[in-house]
C-alpha atoms as a PDB file:
ATOM      1  CA  MET A   1      -3.143  -4.833  14.438  1.00  0.00           C
ATOM      2  CA  PHE A   2      -6.794  -3.858  14.813  1.00  0.00           C
ATOM      3  CA  SER A   3     -10.150  -5.131  16.163  1.00  0.00           C
ATOM      4  CA  THR A   4     -13.722  -4.586  17.278  1.00  0.00           C
ATOM      5  CA  ASN A   5     -14.632  -2.985  20.609  1.00  0.00           C
ATOM      6  CA  LYS A   6     -12.172  -0.176  20.027  1.00  0.00           C
ATOM      7  CA  ALA A   7     -12.427   2.786  22.360  1.00  0.00           C
ATOM      8  CA  PRO A   8     -14.307   5.707  20.765  1.00  0.00           C
ATOM      9  CA  ASN A   9     -11.215   7.913  20.817  1.00  0.00           C
ATOM     10  CA  HIS A  10      -8.869   5.355  19.280  1.00  0.00           C
ATOM     11  CA  ARG A  11      -8.614   6.854  15.811  1.00  0.00           C
ATOM     12  CA  LEU A  12      -6.495   6.345  12.738  1.00  0.00           C
ATOM     13  CA  ARG A  13      -3.915   8.740  11.382  1.00  0.00           C
ATOM     14  CA  ILE A  14      -2.327   7.969   8.011  1.00  0.00           C
ATOM     15  CA  THR A  15       1.049   9.408   7.070  1.00  0.00           C
ATOM     16  CA  ALA A  16       3.424   8.788   4.189  1.00  0.00           C
ATOM     17  CA  GLY A  17       7.002   9.590   3.334  1.00  0.00           C
ATOM     18  CA  PRO A  18      10.071   8.456   1.400  1.00  0.00           C
ATOM     19  CA  ARG A  19      11.735   6.748   4.365  1.00  0.00           C
ATOM     20  CA  TYR A  20      10.963   4.895   7.579  1.00  0.00           C
ATOM     21  CA  ASP A  21      11.802   7.991   9.631  1.00  0.00           C
ATOM     22  CA  PRO A  22       8.426   9.523  10.607  1.00  0.00           C
ATOM     23  CA  GLN A  23      10.042  12.954  10.489  1.00  0.00           C
ATOM     24  CA  THR A  24      10.033  12.589   6.691  1.00  0.00           C
ATOM     25  CA  HIS A  25       6.284  11.921   6.605  1.00  0.00           C
ATOM     26  CA  GLN A  26       3.287  14.101   5.946  1.00  0.00           C
ATOM     27  CA  LEU A  27      -0.343  13.654   6.860  1.00  0.00           C
ATOM     28  CA  VAL A  28      -2.491  11.928   4.236  1.00  0.00           C
ATOM     29  CA  HIS A  29      -5.952  13.392   3.666  1.00  0.00           C
ATOM     30  CA  VAL A  30      -7.859  10.113   3.585  1.00  0.00           C
ATOM     31  CA  ASN A  31     -10.699   9.914   1.032  1.00  0.00           C
ATOM     32  CA  GLY A  32      -9.729  13.290  -0.385  1.00  0.00           C
ATOM     33  CA  PRO A  33      -9.622  13.814  -4.165  1.00  0.00           C
ATOM     34  CA  SER A  34      -6.034  15.059  -4.330  1.00  0.00           C
ATOM     35  CA  PRO A  35      -2.900  13.026  -3.632  1.00  0.00           C
ATOM     36  CA  ILE A  36       0.128  13.882  -1.620  1.00  0.00           C
ATOM     37  CA  ARG A  37       3.282  14.039  -3.727  1.00  0.00           C
ATOM     38  CA  ILE A  38       6.569  12.654  -2.458  1.00  0.00           C
ATOM     39  CA  ARG A  39       9.933  13.221  -4.111  1.00  0.00           C
ATOM     40  CA  SER A  40      13.144  11.435  -3.253  1.00  0.00           C
ATOM     41  CA  PRO A  41      16.375  10.541  -5.061  1.00  0.00           C
ATOM     42  CA  HIS A  42      14.641   7.276  -6.010  1.00  0.00           C
ATOM     43  CA  LEU A  43      11.268   8.376  -7.368  1.00  0.00           C
ATOM     44  CA  THR A  44       8.391  10.807  -7.569  1.00  0.00           C
ATOM     45  CA  ALA A  45       5.173   9.376  -6.160  1.00  0.00           C
ATOM     46  CA  ASP A  46       1.575  10.485  -5.813  1.00  0.00           C
ATOM     47  CA  ILE A  47      -0.405   8.682  -3.102  1.00  0.00           C
ATOM     48  CA  TRP A  48      -4.110   8.389  -2.326  1.00  0.00           C
ATOM     49  CA  VAL A  49      -5.516   6.429   0.626  1.00  0.00           C
ATOM     50  CA  ARG A  50      -9.204   5.514   0.741  1.00  0.00           C
ATOM     51  CA  ILE A  51     -10.929   3.840   3.709  1.00  0.00           C
ATOM     52  CA  LYS A  52     -14.602   2.910   4.059  1.00  0.00           C
ATOM     53  CA  GLU A  53     -16.455   4.418   7.016  1.00  0.00           C
ATOM     54  CA  TYR A  54     -13.409   6.488   7.925  1.00  0.00           C
ATOM     55  CA  THR A  55     -13.572   8.377  11.235  1.00  0.00           C
ATOM     56  CA  GLY A  56      -9.906   9.205  11.732  1.00  0.00           C
ATOM     57  CA  TYR A  57      -7.650  12.206  11.249  1.00  0.00           C
ATOM     58  CA  PRO A  58      -7.527  14.839   9.941  1.00  0.00           C
ATOM     59  CA  GLU A  59     -10.766  16.151  11.392  1.00  0.00           C
ATOM     60  CA  GLY A  60     -13.525  16.518   8.854  1.00  0.00           C
ATOM     61  CA  SER A  61     -12.251  13.805   6.519  1.00  0.00           C
ATOM     62  CA  PRO A  62     -14.912  12.304   4.224  1.00  0.00           C
ATOM     63  CA  LYS A  63     -16.290   9.012   5.551  1.00  0.00           C
ATOM     64  CA  SER A  64     -16.007   7.381   2.142  1.00  0.00           C
ATOM     65  CA  ASN A  65     -14.981   7.939  -1.471  1.00  0.00           C
ATOM     66  CA  PRO A  66     -16.517   7.284  -4.923  1.00  0.00           C
ATOM     67  CA  TYR A  67     -13.790   4.654  -5.372  1.00  0.00           C
ATOM     68  CA  PHE A  68     -15.946   2.289  -3.311  1.00  0.00           C
ATOM     69  CA  THR A  69     -18.866   2.565  -5.746  1.00  0.00           C
ATOM     70  CA  HIS A  70     -16.851   1.531  -8.814  1.00  0.00           C
ATOM     71  CA  PRO A  71     -17.729  -2.019  -9.932  1.00  0.00           C
ATOM     72  CA  THR A  72     -14.088  -3.136  -9.999  1.00  0.00           C
ATOM     73  CA  THR A  73     -13.149  -1.834  -6.560  1.00  0.00           C
ATOM     74  CA  SER A  74     -16.402  -1.785  -4.576  1.00  0.00           C
ATOM     75  CA  ALA A  75     -15.548  -4.907  -2.541  1.00  0.00           C
ATOM     76  CA  ASN A  76     -12.429  -3.347  -1.016  1.00  0.00           C
ATOM     77  CA  ARG A  77     -12.575  -1.904   2.492  1.00  0.00           C
ATOM     78  CA  TYR A  78      -9.509   0.256   1.908  1.00  0.00           C
ATOM     79  CA  SER A  79      -7.152   1.218  -0.890  1.00  0.00           C
ATOM     80  CA  ILE A  80      -3.651   2.544  -1.437  1.00  0.00           C
ATOM     81  CA  THR A  81      -3.372   4.070  -4.913  1.00  0.00           C
ATOM     82  CA  LEU A  82       0.040   4.972  -6.298  1.00  0.00           C
ATOM     83  CA  SER A  83       1.428   6.854  -9.289  1.00  0.00           C
ATOM     84  CA  LEU A  84       5.158   6.129  -9.482  1.00  0.00           C
ATOM     85  CA  THR A  85       7.983   7.486 -11.626  1.00  0.00           C
ATOM     86  CA  PHE A  86      11.374   6.001 -10.768  1.00  0.00           C
ATOM     87  CA  ALA A  87      14.635   7.921 -11.132  1.00  0.00           C
ATOM     88  CA  GLU A  88      16.502   4.766 -12.196  1.00  0.00           C
ATOM     89  CA  ASP A  89      15.504   1.461 -13.755  1.00  0.00           C
ATOM     90  CA  VAL A  90      14.168  -1.046 -11.206  1.00  0.00           C
ATOM     91  CA  ASN A  91      14.087  -4.764 -11.914  1.00  0.00           C
ATOM     92  CA  GLY A  92      10.609  -6.200 -11.441  1.00  0.00           C
ATOM     93  CA  ASP A  93      11.866  -8.955  -9.149  1.00  0.00           C
ATOM     94  CA  ASP A  94      13.474  -6.411  -6.825  1.00  0.00           C
ATOM     95  CA  LEU A  95      10.331  -4.389  -6.161  1.00  0.00           C
ATOM     96  CA  LEU A  96       8.667  -5.535  -2.924  1.00  0.00           C
ATOM     97  CA  PHE A  97       5.457  -4.313  -1.309  1.00  0.00           C
ATOM     98  CA  GLY A  98       4.147  -5.268   2.099  1.00  0.00           C
ATOM     99  CA  ASN A  99       4.341  -4.751   5.837  1.00  0.00           C
ATOM    100  CA  ASP A 100       7.274  -4.669   8.204  1.00  0.00           C
ATOM    101  CA  PHE A 101       8.028  -3.686  11.781  1.00  0.00           C
ATOM    102  CA  ASP A 102      11.110  -2.429  13.610  1.00  0.00           C
ATOM    103  CA  HIS A 103      10.305  -4.393  16.782  1.00  0.00           C
ATOM    104  CA  PRO A 104       9.111  -7.924  17.626  1.00  0.00           C
ATOM    105  CA  ILE A 105       5.354  -8.494  17.461  1.00  0.00           C
ATOM    106  CA  ARG A 106       5.261 -12.212  18.318  1.00  0.00           C
ATOM    107  CA  ASP A 107       3.881 -11.510  21.789  1.00  0.00           C
ATOM    108  CA  TYR A 108       1.036  -9.497  20.246  1.00  0.00           C
ATOM    109  CA  LEU A 109      -0.058 -11.982  17.588  1.00  0.00           C
ATOM    110  CA  PRO A 110      -3.539 -13.318  18.371  1.00  0.00           C
ATOM    111  CA  PRO A 111      -4.514 -16.980  18.499  1.00  0.00           C
ATOM    112  CA  GLY A 112      -5.297 -18.096  14.972  1.00  0.00           C
ATOM    113  CA  PHE A 113      -2.676 -15.931  13.273  1.00  0.00           C
ATOM    114  CA  ASN A 114      -0.776 -18.871  11.769  1.00  0.00           C
ATOM    115  CA  THR A 115      -3.976 -20.348  10.381  1.00  0.00           C
ATOM    116  CA  ALA A 116      -4.981 -16.990   8.931  1.00  0.00           C
ATOM    117  CA  PHE A 117      -1.564 -16.577   7.315  1.00  0.00           C
ATOM    118  CA  LYS A 118      -1.825 -20.022   5.707  1.00  0.00           C
ATOM    119  CA  VAL A 119      -5.227 -19.069   4.302  1.00  0.00           C
ATOM    120  CA  VAL A 120      -3.787 -15.854   2.871  1.00  0.00           C
ATOM    121  CA  LYS A 121      -0.823 -17.650   1.279  1.00  0.00           C
ATOM    122  CA  THR A 122      -2.900 -20.530  -0.072  1.00  0.00           C
ATOM    123  CA  MET A 123      -6.008 -18.721  -1.280  1.00  0.00           C
ATOM    124  CA  LEU A 124      -5.261 -15.018  -1.602  1.00  0.00           C
ATOM    125  CA  ASP A 125      -1.580 -14.280  -2.293  1.00  0.00           C
ATOM    126  CA  PRO A 126       0.696 -17.293  -2.918  1.00  0.00           C
ATOM    127  CA  SER A 127       3.622 -14.944  -3.564  1.00  0.00           C
ATOM    128  CA  ILE A 128       3.646 -13.551  -0.011  1.00  0.00           C
ATOM    129  CA  ASP A 129       6.653 -14.384   2.140  1.00  0.00           C
ATOM    130  CA  GLY A 130       7.677 -13.370   5.618  1.00  0.00           C
ATOM    131  CA  ASP A 131       8.458 -14.086   9.229  1.00  0.00           C
ATOM    132  CA  ALA A 132       6.088 -12.602  11.788  1.00  0.00           C
ATOM    133  CA  TYR A 133       8.067 -14.099  14.678  1.00  0.00           C
ATOM    134  CA  SER A 134      11.482 -12.573  14.003  1.00  0.00           C
ATOM    135  CA  ASP A 135      12.922  -9.594  15.860  1.00  0.00           C
ATOM    136  CA  LYS A 136      12.144  -7.455  12.805  1.00  0.00           C
ATOM    137  CA  PRO A 137       8.995  -9.054  11.387  1.00  0.00           C
ATOM    138  CA  TYR A 138       8.003  -8.645   7.757  1.00  0.00           C
ATOM    139  CA  LEU A 139       5.411  -9.819   5.246  1.00  0.00           C
ATOM    140  CA  TYR A 140       6.408  -8.915   1.683  1.00  0.00           C
ATOM    141  CA  SER A 141       5.147  -9.832  -1.760  1.00  0.00           C
ATOM    142  CA  PRO A 142       6.595  -9.003  -5.169  1.00  0.00           C
ATOM    143  CA  ALA A 143       4.764  -5.777  -5.978  1.00  0.00           C
ATOM    144  CA  LEU A 144       3.973  -6.831  -9.542  1.00  0.00           C
ATOM    145  CA  ALA A 145       2.258  -9.979  -8.252  1.00  0.00           C
ATOM    146  CA  SER A 146       0.372  -8.390  -5.360  1.00  0.00           C
ATOM    147  CA  TRP A 147      -1.024  -5.102  -6.662  1.00  0.00           C
ATOM    148  CA  ASN A 148      -4.714  -5.447  -7.503  1.00  0.00           C
ATOM    149  CA  GLN A 149      -4.402  -3.179 -10.529  1.00  0.00           C
ATOM    150  CA  PHE A 150      -1.313  -2.216 -12.533  1.00  0.00           C
ATOM    151  CA  ARG A 151      -1.192   0.364 -15.304  1.00  0.00           C
ATOM    152  CA  VAL A 152       1.763   1.270 -17.533  1.00  0.00           C
ATOM    153  CA  GLY A 153       1.873   4.897 -18.619  1.00  0.00           C
ATOM    154  CA  GLU A 154       3.969   7.237 -20.700  1.00  0.00           C
ATOM    155  CA  VAL A 155       7.591   8.291 -20.292  1.00  0.00           C
ATOM    156  CA  VAL A 156       8.140  11.714 -18.729  1.00  0.00           C
ATOM    157  CA  PRO A 157      10.927  13.429 -20.728  1.00  0.00           C
ATOM    158  CA  PRO A 158      14.192  14.079 -18.833  1.00  0.00           C
ATOM    159  CA  ASP A 159      14.327  17.359 -16.921  1.00  0.00           C
ATOM    160  CA  THR A 160      10.541  17.616 -17.168  1.00  0.00           C
ATOM    161  CA  LYS A 161       8.542  17.775 -13.971  1.00  0.00           C
ATOM    162  CA  LYS A 162       6.034  14.966 -13.622  1.00  0.00           C
ATOM    163  CA  PRO A 163       2.687  16.485 -14.611  1.00  0.00           C
ATOM    164  CA  ALA A 164      -0.142  16.873 -12.161  1.00  0.00           C
ATOM    165  CA  VAL A 165      -2.374  13.838 -11.910  1.00  0.00           C
ATOM    166  CA  GLU A 166      -6.140  13.749 -12.205  1.00  0.00           C
ATOM    167  CA  ALA A 167      -8.222  14.093  -9.063  1.00  0.00           C
ATOM    168  CA  ASP A 168      -9.694  10.982  -7.458  1.00  0.00           C
ATOM    169  CA  PRO A 169      -8.585   8.422 -10.053  1.00  0.00           C
ATOM    170  CA  VAL A 170      -9.639   4.787 -10.068  1.00  0.00           C
ATOM    171  CA  VAL A 171      -6.616   2.937 -11.432  1.00  0.00           C
ATOM    172  CA  LEU A 172      -7.586  -0.016 -13.612  1.00  0.00           C
ATOM    173  CA  GLU A 173      -5.480  -2.694 -15.273  1.00  0.00           C
ATOM    174  CA  GLY A 174      -4.115  -1.542 -18.621  1.00  0.00           C
ATOM    175  CA  ALA A 175      -1.860   1.006 -20.258  1.00  0.00           C
ATOM    176  CA  GLU A 176      -1.722   4.405 -21.877  1.00  0.00           C
ATOM    177  CA  GLY A 177       0.224   5.667 -24.884  1.00  0.00           C
ATOM    178  CA  SER A 178       3.561   3.913 -25.303  1.00  0.00           C
ATOM    179  CA  GLY A 179       2.723   1.814 -22.252  1.00  0.00           C
ATOM    180  CA  VAL A 180       0.475  -0.285 -24.503  1.00  0.00           C
ATOM    181  CA  GLU A 181       3.526  -1.448 -26.458  1.00  0.00           C
ATOM    182  CA  VAL A 182       5.370  -2.222 -23.202  1.00  0.00           C
ATOM    183  CA  ARG A 183       2.619  -4.556 -22.049  1.00  0.00           C
ATOM    184  CA  GLU A 184       2.407  -6.199 -25.464  1.00  0.00           C
ATOM    185  CA  ARG A 185       6.164  -6.682 -25.681  1.00  0.00           C
ATOM    186  CA  HIS A 186       6.208  -8.495 -22.348  1.00  0.00           C
ATOM    187  CA  GLY A 187       3.040 -10.442 -23.066  1.00  0.00           C
ATOM    188  CA  LEU A 188       1.286  -9.120 -19.974  1.00  0.00           C
ATOM    189  CA  PRO A 189      -2.283 -10.392 -19.680  1.00  0.00           C
ATOM    190  CA  GLY A 190      -4.930  -7.702 -19.852  1.00  0.00           C
ATOM    191  CA  ASP A 191      -6.826  -9.165 -16.913  1.00  0.00           C
ATOM    192  CA  ALA A 192      -5.631  -8.115 -13.451  1.00  0.00           C
ATOM    193  CA  SER A 193      -5.866 -11.547 -11.834  1.00  0.00           C
ATOM    194  CA  ALA A 194      -4.069 -13.144 -14.789  1.00  0.00           C
ATOM    195  CA  ARG A 195      -1.301 -10.538 -14.520  1.00  0.00           C
ATOM    196  CA  THR A 196      -0.760 -11.264 -10.811  1.00  0.00           C
ATOM    197  CA  LYS A 197      -0.518 -14.971 -11.641  1.00  0.00           C
ATOM    198  CA  TYR A 198       1.892 -14.189 -14.504  1.00  0.00           C
ATOM    199  CA  PHE A 199       4.232 -12.321 -12.163  1.00  0.00           C
ATOM    200  CA  ARG A 200       4.296 -15.086  -9.559  1.00  0.00           C
ATOM    201  CA  ASP A 201       6.921 -16.566 -11.865  1.00  0.00           C
ATOM    202  CA  GLN A 202      10.244 -15.115 -10.741  1.00  0.00           C
ATOM    203  CA  GLU A 203      11.739 -15.335 -14.231  1.00  0.00           C
ATOM    204  CA  LYS A 204       8.860 -13.268 -15.599  1.00  0.00           C
ATOM    205  CA  ARG A 205       9.510 -10.640 -12.925  1.00  0.00           C
ATOM    206  CA  LYS A 206      13.232 -10.614 -13.664  1.00  0.00           C
ATOM    207  CA  GLY A 207      12.454 -10.023 -17.311  1.00  0.00           C
ATOM    208  CA  PHE A 208      10.380  -6.916 -16.594  1.00  0.00           C
ATOM    209  CA  VAL A 209      12.055  -3.591 -15.850  1.00  0.00           C
ATOM    210  CA  LEU A 210      10.244  -0.579 -14.464  1.00  0.00           C
ATOM    211  CA  GLU A 211      11.882   2.033 -16.634  1.00  0.00           C
ATOM    212  CA  LYS A 212      13.446   5.231 -15.453  1.00  0.00           C
ATOM    213  CA  GLY A 213      11.093   8.119 -16.184  1.00  0.00           C
ATOM    214  CA  ARG A 214       8.027   6.060 -17.079  1.00  0.00           C
ATOM    215  CA  VAL A 215       4.806   6.510 -15.095  1.00  0.00           C
ATOM    216  CA  TYR A 216       3.397   3.385 -13.443  1.00  0.00           C
ATOM    217  CA  GLU A 217       0.095   3.353 -11.587  1.00  0.00           C
ATOM    218  CA  ALA A 218      -1.025   0.762  -9.074  1.00  0.00           C
ATOM    219  CA  ASP A 219      -3.897   0.098  -6.729  1.00  0.00           C
ATOM    220  CA  PHE A 220      -3.778  -2.144  -3.675  1.00  0.00           C
ATOM    221  CA  GLY A 221      -6.685  -2.953  -1.395  1.00  0.00           C
ATOM    222  CA  ASN A 222      -8.825  -5.779  -0.113  1.00  0.00           C
ATOM    223  CA  PRO A 223     -11.978  -6.621   1.856  1.00  0.00           C
ATOM    224  CA  TYR A 224     -10.054  -8.382   4.629  1.00  0.00           C
ATOM    225  CA  LEU A 225      -8.643  -5.542   6.724  1.00  0.00           C
ATOM    226  CA  ASP A 226     -11.480  -3.617   8.361  1.00  0.00           C
ATOM    227  CA  PHE A 227     -10.384  -0.293   9.815  1.00  0.00           C
ATOM    228  CA  GLU A 228     -13.889   0.583  11.012  1.00  0.00           C
ATOM    229  CA  ASP A 229     -14.174  -2.431  13.315  1.00  0.00           C
ATOM    230  CA  PHE A 230     -10.388  -2.854  13.555  1.00  0.00           C
ATOM    231  CA  ALA A 231     -10.642  -6.501  12.495  1.00  0.00           C
ATOM    232  CA  ILE A 232      -9.066  -8.863  10.009  1.00  0.00           C
ATOM    233  CA  HIS A 233     -11.456 -11.046   8.035  1.00  0.00           C
ATOM    234  CA  VAL A 234     -10.132 -13.895   5.900  1.00  0.00           C
ATOM    235  CA  PRO A 235     -12.293 -16.760   4.616  1.00  0.00           C
ATOM    236  CA  GLY A 236     -13.549 -18.652   7.653  1.00  0.00           C
ATOM    237  CA  ILE A 237     -11.601 -16.588  10.202  1.00  0.00           C
ATOM    238  CA  THR A 238     -12.063 -13.226  11.933  1.00  0.00           C
ATOM    239  CA  LEU A 239      -9.304 -11.826  14.147  1.00  0.00           C
ATOM    240  CA  ASN A 240     -10.364  -9.128  16.624  1.00  0.00           C
ATOM    241  CA  ILE A 241      -7.271  -7.776  18.322  1.00  0.00           C
ATOM    242  CA  SER A 242      -7.796  -4.269  19.700  1.00  0.00           C
ATOM    243  CA  LYS A 243      -6.495  -5.418  23.072  1.00  0.00           C
ATOM    244  CA  TYR A 244      -3.087  -5.890  21.447  1.00  0.00           C
ATOM    245  CA  VAL A 245      -2.822  -2.225  20.467  1.00  0.00           C
ATOM    246  CA  SER A 246      -0.436  -0.303  22.720  1.00  0.00           C
ATOM    247  CA  GLU A 247       1.882   2.690  22.588  1.00  0.00           C
ATOM    248  CA  LYS A 248       4.602   0.387  21.273  1.00  0.00           C
ATOM    249  CA  ASN A 249       2.393  -1.627  18.951  1.00  0.00           C
ATOM    250  CA  ASN A 250       0.084   0.857  17.243  1.00  0.00           C
ATOM    251  CA  VAL A 251       1.487   1.291  13.726  1.00  0.00           C
ATOM    252  CA  LEU A 252       0.869  -0.821  10.647  1.00  0.00           C
ATOM    253  CA  ARG A 253       3.140   0.330   7.862  1.00  0.00           C
ATOM    254  CA  TYR A 254       3.074  -0.464   4.168  1.00  0.00           C
ATOM    255  CA  VAL A 255       6.467  -0.346   2.512  1.00  0.00           C
ATOM    256  CA  LEU A 256       7.612  -0.237  -1.103  1.00  0.00           C
ATOM    257  CA  LYS A 257      11.269  -1.232  -1.171  1.00  0.00           C
ATOM    258  CA  ASN A 258      14.104  -2.808  -3.150  1.00  0.00           C
ATOM    259  CA  ARG A 259      14.845  -6.451  -2.401  1.00  0.00           C
ATOM    260  CA  THR A 260      18.495  -6.259  -3.490  1.00  0.00           C
ATOM    261  CA  THR A 261      19.596  -2.950  -1.980  1.00  0.00           C
ATOM    262  CA  GLY A 262      17.183  -2.878   0.980  1.00  0.00           C
ATOM    263  CA  GLU A 263      16.386   0.755   0.203  1.00  0.00           C
ATOM    264  CA  GLU A 264      12.884   1.930   0.938  1.00  0.00           C
ATOM    265  CA  TYR A 265      11.033   3.895  -1.731  1.00  0.00           C
ATOM    266  CA  LEU A 266       7.816   4.691   0.139  1.00  0.00           C
ATOM    267  CA  VAL A 267       6.512   4.123   3.655  1.00  0.00           C
ATOM    268  CA  ILE A 268       2.824   4.581   4.503  1.00  0.00           C
ATOM    269  CA  GLY A 269       1.977   4.421   8.200  1.00  0.00           C
ATOM    270  CA  PHE A 270      -1.466   3.526   9.572  1.00  0.00           C
ATOM    271  CA  THR A 271      -1.243   4.689  13.197  1.00  0.00           C
ATOM    272  CA  VAL A 272      -3.846   4.097  15.894  1.00  0.00           C
ATOM    273  CA  VAL A 273      -3.864   7.278  17.990  1.00  0.00           C
ATOM    274  CA  LEU A 274      -4.556   6.084  21.520  1.00  0.00           C
ATOM    275  CA  ASP A 275      -6.786   7.804  24.075  1.00  0.00           C
ATOM    276  CA  GLY A 276      -5.107  10.896  25.439  1.00  0.00           C
ATOM    277  CA  ALA A 277      -2.311  10.883  22.871  1.00  0.00           C
ATOM    278  CA  GLU A 278      -1.586  14.196  21.237  1.00  0.00           C
ATOM    279  CA  GLU A 279      -2.632  14.268  17.590  1.00  0.00           C
ATOM    280  CA  LYS A 280       0.041  15.542  15.225  1.00  0.00           C
ATOM    281  CA  THR A 281      -1.013  17.682  12.317  1.00  0.00           C
ATOM    282  CA  GLU A 282       1.787  17.582   9.768  1.00  0.00           C
ATOM    283  CA  GLU A 283       0.658  19.305   6.603  1.00  0.00           C
ATOM    284  CA  GLY A 284       2.186  19.864   3.214  1.00  0.00           C
ATOM    285  CA  ASP A 285       1.818  19.121  -0.474  1.00  0.00           C
ATOM    286  CA  GLU A 286       5.211  17.540  -1.111  1.00  0.00           C
ATOM    287  CA  VAL A 287       7.940  15.797   0.807  1.00  0.00           C
ATOM    288  CA  ASP A 288      11.500  15.632  -0.485  1.00  0.00           C
END
């Protein structure tokens, strides 16, 4: 929902929480080395958000992050990095990641949107599915097939608090400890692009369970969504849509949820703070 020619005081604020309700969210320190930690009955999650040329809130945020100098991730314009430990087993086919809205956006979609979506589905993410024209629009992909990088970690023993994570990690495809055996048992390719292709097969996803208590790390980002110019760039198409941003249509949210139950696990909101709007300053290290 973003474009060039943005007003100087139209700035981003990133928040995250365990539910859609913004009252459950906390402010994300974009490009900072430390994550925010979110706990819910469903999972414990650590979240980092990195954005190139960032000029949003909170004040004084770094404009960039070493993540963007790593050879594997340097092409991305933004990144959502996750460390997830689920409280119960989750079937791989049930875990969805993507965008949704609680109001219609069809009147705000720019000319060329349908063409851009076809390009995305054909060339970039064949597993994506959605309806941007419904009363509650959504664009979801199976998480295992859409995450750029996916890493399987160790099991955290019951009644043991998830240990602190390293500062400023770059999550790369692979595994640690007993996670190596998990990947081998399922025949997961070691290459990230091959793994996303592997999990486009629904039966492969159904056969993979994200285990209760095991740490999973993921990274999602791309060079197509440009938060500096507020534009969407896909091969052959650029959509500049700042004029469509309004008080009602100023939030792009990323959601991790369960396909079968409909329950949300994480919600990350990218909000354009409009001129004259009061900036909120929620702080905190954990949300329950």
